[in-house]
Amino acid sequence: MDFAAKRGTPVRAVAEGKILYAGWRKGGYGRMIEIQHDSVYASRYAHLQGVALGVRRGVSVQKGQIIGYVGSSGRSTGAHLHFELYRDQEYVDFLKFEYPPEDKIEPALRRVFENAKQLFLTELASAPLS
């Protein structure tokens, strides 16, 4: 999935994990980072302008940590982040995927969360994607 963003915008890890690959990848991705999050999930971030200092194979990263910067490397027509999520090495449409909860949420807070989530998804559906 492609997300339009300005060149140089920080890219953050979606979850904690270990870097499997960080560098130039032949075949169109350009500069790319791949993170293994656990024994099941992995994520890819492609067409990067650069990789953050210290991000290299074998390094552990935290959720939200800056790992790279949006660019237009490889076969790309403009600055954007190409993001992919894999489950058991199979591509997952993360916009439709049902994620397992990290922590239990109280019922009252769950309703607040679900309302906020629906508002966000409505806004996301109308956002321009490249």
C-alpha atoms as a PDB file:
ATOM      1  CA  MET A   1       0.000   0.000   0.000  1.00  0.00           C
ATOM      2  CA  ASP A   2       1.337   3.423  -0.913  1.00  0.00           C
ATOM      3  CA  PHE A   3       1.038   6.468   1.340  1.00  0.00           C
ATOM      4  CA  ALA A   4       1.854   9.884  -0.099  1.00  0.00           C
ATOM      5  CA  ALA A   5       4.192  11.898   2.100  1.00  0.00           C
ATOM      6  CA  LYS A   6       6.833  14.580   1.770  1.00  0.00           C
ATOM      7  CA  ARG A   7      10.388  13.466   1.080  1.00  0.00           C
ATOM      8  CA  GLY A   8      12.249  13.176   4.382  1.00  0.00           C
ATOM      9  CA  THR A   9       9.168  12.462   6.527  1.00  0.00           C
ATOM     10  CA  PRO A  10      10.202  10.076   9.343  1.00  0.00           C
ATOM     11  CA  VAL A  11       9.008   6.469   8.993  1.00  0.00           C
ATOM     12  CA  ARG A  12       8.293   4.619  12.245  1.00  0.00           C
ATOM     13  CA  ALA A  13       8.171   0.912  13.044  1.00  0.00           C
ATOM     14  CA  VAL A  14       4.589  -0.333  13.401  1.00  0.00           C
ATOM     15  CA  ALA A  15       5.603  -2.734  16.192  1.00  0.00           C
ATOM     16  CA  GLU A  16       8.698  -3.879  18.037  1.00  0.00           C
ATOM     17  CA  GLY A  17      10.871  -6.381  16.244  1.00  0.00           C
ATOM     18  CA  LYS A  18      14.232  -7.217  14.723  1.00  0.00           C
ATOM     19  CA  ILE A  19      15.583  -5.774  11.470  1.00  0.00           C
ATOM     20  CA  LEU A  20      15.876  -8.494   8.815  1.00  0.00           C
ATOM     21  CA  TYR A  21      17.029  -6.163   6.038  1.00  0.00           C
ATOM     22  CA  ALA A  22      17.948  -2.490   5.699  1.00  0.00           C
ATOM     23  CA  GLY A  23      19.423  -1.173   2.477  1.00  0.00           C
ATOM     24  CA  TRP A  24      19.043  -1.159  -1.295  1.00  0.00           C
ATOM     25  CA  ARG A  25      16.858  -3.938  -2.705  1.00  0.00           C
ATOM     26  CA  LYS A  26      16.912  -4.810  -6.404  1.00  0.00           C
ATOM     27  CA  GLY A  27      13.582  -5.301  -8.149  1.00  0.00           C
ATOM     28  CA  GLY A  28      11.953  -1.938  -7.646  1.00  0.00           C
ATOM     29  CA  TYR A  29      11.773  -1.366  -3.882  1.00  0.00           C
ATOM     30  CA  GLY A  30      14.871   0.833  -3.774  1.00  0.00           C
ATOM     31  CA  ARG A  31      15.930   1.520  -0.186  1.00  0.00           C
ATOM     32  CA  MET A  32      13.910  -0.815   1.997  1.00  0.00           C
ATOM     33  CA  ILE A  33      13.610  -1.999   5.580  1.00  0.00           C
ATOM     34  CA  GLU A  34      12.081  -5.319   6.621  1.00  0.00           C
ATOM     35  CA  ILE A  35      11.240  -6.046  10.265  1.00  0.00           C
ATOM     36  CA  GLN A  36      10.332  -9.429  11.798  1.00  0.00           C
ATOM     37  CA  HIS A  37       7.933  -8.631  14.646  1.00  0.00           C
ATOM     38  CA  ASP A  38       7.529 -12.132  16.056  1.00  0.00           C
ATOM     39  CA  SER A  39       7.378 -15.649  14.633  1.00  0.00           C
ATOM     40  CA  VAL A  40       4.281 -14.707  12.586  1.00  0.00           C
ATOM     41  CA  TYR A  41       4.332 -11.035  11.481  1.00  0.00           C
ATOM     42  CA  ALA A  42       6.776  -9.001   9.390  1.00  0.00           C
ATOM     43  CA  SER A  43       6.549  -5.544   7.809  1.00  0.00           C
ATOM     44  CA  ARG A  44       8.275  -3.828   4.867  1.00  0.00           C
ATOM     45  CA  TYR A  45       8.894  -0.139   4.241  1.00  0.00           C
ATOM     46  CA  ALA A  46      10.106   0.715   0.721  1.00  0.00           C
ATOM     47  CA  HIS A  47      11.207   3.553  -1.597  1.00  0.00           C
ATOM     48  CA  LEU A  48      12.961   5.225   1.331  1.00  0.00           C
ATOM     49  CA  GLN A  49      15.237   8.240   0.992  1.00  0.00           C
ATOM     50  CA  GLY A  50      17.400   6.855   3.757  1.00  0.00           C
ATOM     51  CA  VAL A  51      17.660   4.488   6.696  1.00  0.00           C
ATOM     52  CA  ALA A  52      17.893   5.939  10.220  1.00  0.00           C
ATOM     53  CA  LEU A  53      21.250   5.886  11.978  1.00  0.00           C
ATOM     54  CA  GLY A  54      21.872   2.542  13.682  1.00  0.00           C
ATOM     55  CA  VAL A  55      19.171   0.647  11.782  1.00  0.00           C
ATOM     56  CA  ARG A  56      20.792  -2.462  10.307  1.00  0.00           C
ATOM     57  CA  ARG A  57      20.279  -6.220  10.127  1.00  0.00           C
ATOM     58  CA  GLY A  58      19.933  -7.848  13.550  1.00  0.00           C
ATOM     59  CA  VAL A  59      19.156  -4.639  15.467  1.00  0.00           C
ATOM     60  CA  SER A  60      16.021  -4.594  17.641  1.00  0.00           C
ATOM     61  CA  VAL A  61      13.596  -1.692  17.190  1.00  0.00           C
ATOM     62  CA  GLN A  62      10.672  -0.495  19.272  1.00  0.00           C
ATOM     63  CA  LYS A  63       7.134   0.350  18.196  1.00  0.00           C
ATOM     64  CA  GLY A  64       7.125   3.967  17.009  1.00  0.00           C
ATOM     65  CA  GLN A  65      10.910   4.182  16.617  1.00  0.00           C
ATOM     66  CA  ILE A  66      12.100   6.152  13.582  1.00  0.00           C
ATOM     67  CA  ILE A  67      13.642   3.614  11.202  1.00  0.00           C
ATOM     68  CA  GLY A  68      13.916   5.593   7.963  1.00  0.00           C
ATOM     69  CA  TYR A  69      12.735   8.519   5.866  1.00  0.00           C
ATOM     70  CA  VAL A  70      10.204   8.784   3.026  1.00  0.00           C
ATOM     71  CA  GLY A  71      11.744   9.032  -0.412  1.00  0.00           C
ATOM     72  CA  SER A  72      11.371   7.964  -4.022  1.00  0.00           C
ATOM     73  CA  SER A  73      14.082   5.335  -4.490  1.00  0.00           C
ATOM     74  CA  GLY A  74      13.822   2.343  -6.803  1.00  0.00           C
ATOM     75  CA  ARG A  75      10.956   2.227  -9.290  1.00  0.00           C
ATOM     76  CA  SER A  76       8.999   5.143  -7.913  1.00  0.00           C
ATOM     77  CA  THR A  77       7.332   8.130  -9.546  1.00  0.00           C
ATOM     78  CA  GLY A  78       7.302  10.373  -6.490  1.00  0.00           C
ATOM     79  CA  ALA A  79       7.896  10.579  -2.759  1.00  0.00           C
ATOM     80  CA  HIS A  80       5.789   8.092  -0.814  1.00  0.00           C
ATOM     81  CA  LEU A  81       6.004   5.216   1.654  1.00  0.00           C
ATOM     82  CA  HIS A  82       5.260   1.756   0.292  1.00  0.00           C
ATOM     83  CA  PHE A  83       4.174  -0.366   3.291  1.00  0.00           C
ATOM     84  CA  GLU A  84       3.487  -4.093   3.403  1.00  0.00           C
ATOM     85  CA  LEU A  85       2.421  -6.406   6.237  1.00  0.00           C
ATOM     86  CA  TYR A  86       3.011 -10.160   6.140  1.00  0.00           C
ATOM     87  CA  ARG A  87       1.526 -12.940   8.262  1.00  0.00           C
ATOM     88  CA  ASP A  88       3.304 -16.292   7.935  1.00  0.00           C
ATOM     89  CA  GLN A  89       5.115 -14.869   4.869  1.00  0.00           C
ATOM     90  CA  GLU A  90       1.797 -14.086   3.108  1.00  0.00           C
ATOM     91  CA  TYR A  91       0.791 -10.507   2.244  1.00  0.00           C
ATOM     92  CA  VAL A  92      -1.997  -9.146   4.475  1.00  0.00           C
ATOM     93  CA  ASP A  93      -4.361  -6.287   3.592  1.00  0.00           C
ATOM     94  CA  PHE A  94      -3.742  -4.496   6.871  1.00  0.00           C
ATOM     95  CA  LEU A  95      -6.718  -2.160   6.362  1.00  0.00           C
ATOM     96  CA  LYS A  96      -9.070  -5.171   6.562  1.00  0.00           C
ATOM     97  CA  PHE A  97      -7.094  -7.329   8.969  1.00  0.00           C
ATOM     98  CA  GLU A  98      -8.452  -8.112  12.450  1.00  0.00           C
ATOM     99  CA  TYR A  99      -5.508  -7.551  14.792  1.00  0.00           C
ATOM    100  CA  PRO A 100      -5.261  -9.422  18.094  1.00  0.00           C
ATOM    101  CA  PRO A 101      -5.605  -6.993  21.028  1.00  0.00           C
ATOM    102  CA  GLU A 102      -2.435  -6.138  22.932  1.00  0.00           C
ATOM    103  CA  ASP A 103      -4.287  -5.429  26.193  1.00  0.00           C
ATOM    104  CA  LYS A 104      -7.851  -5.846  27.392  1.00  0.00           C
ATOM    105  CA  ILE A 105      -9.926  -2.654  27.246  1.00  0.00           C
ATOM    106  CA  GLU A 106     -12.685  -1.878  29.742  1.00  0.00           C
ATOM    107  CA  PRO A 107     -16.165  -2.051  28.088  1.00  0.00           C
ATOM    108  CA  ALA A 108     -16.833   1.697  28.564  1.00  0.00           C
ATOM    109  CA  LEU A 109     -13.467   2.634  27.073  1.00  0.00           C
ATOM    110  CA  ARG A 110     -13.943   0.073  24.306  1.00  0.00           C
ATOM    111  CA  ARG A 111     -17.086   1.936  23.110  1.00  0.00           C
ATOM    112  CA  VAL A 112     -15.163   5.220  23.073  1.00  0.00           C
ATOM    113  CA  PHE A 113     -12.369   3.513  21.141  1.00  0.00           C
ATOM    114  CA  GLU A 114     -14.743   1.935  18.593  1.00  0.00           C
ATOM    115  CA  ASN A 115     -16.399   5.330  17.951  1.00  0.00           C
ATOM    116  CA  ALA A 116     -13.014   7.001  17.457  1.00  0.00           C
ATOM    117  CA  LYS A 117     -11.889   4.128  15.228  1.00  0.00           C
ATOM    118  CA  GLN A 118     -14.951   4.496  13.015  1.00  0.00           C
ATOM    119  CA  LEU A 119     -14.343   8.243  12.636  1.00  0.00           C
ATOM    120  CA  PHE A 120     -10.712   7.560  11.700  1.00  0.00           C
ATOM    121  CA  LEU A 121     -11.646   4.876   9.153  1.00  0.00           C
ATOM    122  CA  THR A 122     -14.201   7.214   7.566  1.00  0.00           C
ATOM    123  CA  GLU A 123     -11.550   9.938   7.215  1.00  0.00           C
ATOM    124  CA  LEU A 124      -8.990   7.424   5.940  1.00  0.00           C
ATOM    125  CA  ALA A 125     -11.394   6.173   3.263  1.00  0.00           C
ATOM    126  CA  SER A 126     -11.622   9.673   1.799  1.00  0.00           C
ATOM    127  CA  ALA A 127      -7.857  10.395   2.004  1.00  0.00           C
ATOM    128  CA  PRO A 128      -5.942  10.473  -1.297  1.00  0.00           C
ATOM    129  CA  LEU A 129      -3.688   7.460  -1.838  1.00  0.00           C
ATOM    130  CA  SER A 130      -1.049   7.298  -4.521  1.00  0.00           C
END
